[in-house]
Amino acid sequence: MSYTYSFDGGPEVTVAAETDHTAGIDWTPDADGFHFLTVYATTRSGIRLAFYDYFFTVG
């Protein structure tokens, strides 16, 4: 399994999931204010799961 994510509409990045289906990343925004994250999972068999959008403010 893997996760593909994009911050603020930027390039997509894919990271492998751990055996417990979690993944971690480090990200620092370029500026304070409104940001959004789009992420989806891909199963080992190649099935892309639903997109999720998260919205947050950095202050």
Protein backbone atom coordinates (compact mmCIF):
# COMPACT_ATOMS: atom_id res chain seq x y z
CA MET A 1 0.00 0.00 0.00
CA SER A 2 1.08 3.57 -0.62
CA TYR A 3 -0.22 7.09 -0.13
CA THR A 4 -0.04 9.87 -2.67
CA TYR A 5 -0.37 13.43 -1.47
CA SER A 6 -0.16 17.01 -2.66
CA PHE A 7 0.01 20.21 -0.63
CA ASP A 8 -1.62 23.35 -2.03
CA GLY A 9 -2.07 21.84 -5.50
CA GLY A 10 1.66 21.19 -5.92
CA PRO A 11 3.30 18.09 -7.37
CA GLU A 12 2.08 14.71 -6.15
CA VAL A 13 4.42 12.69 -3.94
CA THR A 14 3.99 8.99 -3.21
CA VAL A 15 5.21 7.33 -0.02
CA ALA A 16 5.11 3.66 0.95
CA ALA A 17 2.93 2.66 3.88
CA GLU A 18 4.32 0.85 6.90
CA THR A 19 3.06 -2.65 7.77
CA ASP A 20 0.38 -1.05 9.97
CA HIS A 21 -0.86 1.00 6.96
CA THR A 22 0.46 4.32 8.30
CA ALA A 23 2.93 6.73 6.78
CA GLY A 24 4.60 9.87 8.02
CA ILE A 25 6.05 12.88 6.26
CA ASP A 26 7.67 16.19 7.20
CA TRP A 27 6.34 19.35 5.54
CA THR A 28 6.88 23.02 6.27
CA PRO A 29 4.74 25.59 4.46
CA ASP A 30 6.37 28.47 2.62
CA ALA A 31 4.04 30.97 4.31
CA ASP A 32 1.45 31.34 7.04
CA GLY A 33 -2.21 31.22 6.08
CA PHE A 34 -4.61 28.82 4.43
CA HIS A 35 -3.31 25.49 3.08
CA PHE A 36 -4.79 22.26 1.85
CA LEU A 37 -3.70 18.66 1.55
CA THR A 38 -5.10 16.14 -0.93
CA VAL A 39 -4.30 12.48 -0.32
CA TYR A 40 -5.35 9.06 -1.58
CA ALA A 41 -4.23 5.50 -0.96
CA THR A 42 -3.30 2.89 -3.53
CA THR A 43 -3.62 -0.77 -2.58
CA ARG A 44 -0.94 -3.37 -3.28
CA SER A 45 -3.08 -4.62 -6.18
CA GLY A 46 -3.05 -1.13 -7.74
CA ILE A 47 -6.55 0.02 -6.83
CA ARG A 48 -6.67 3.77 -6.19
CA LEU A 49 -8.97 4.63 -3.28
CA ALA A 50 -11.00 7.81 -2.79
CA PHE A 51 -9.34 11.22 -2.54
CA TYR A 52 -9.59 13.12 0.73
CA ASP A 53 -9.05 16.86 1.13
CA TYR A 54 -7.92 18.48 4.36
CA PHE A 55 -7.94 22.23 4.93
CA PHE A 56 -6.02 24.07 7.65
CA THR A 57 -4.53 27.41 8.61
CA VAL A 58 -0.94 27.97 9.72
CA GLY A 59 -0.44 31.01 11.90
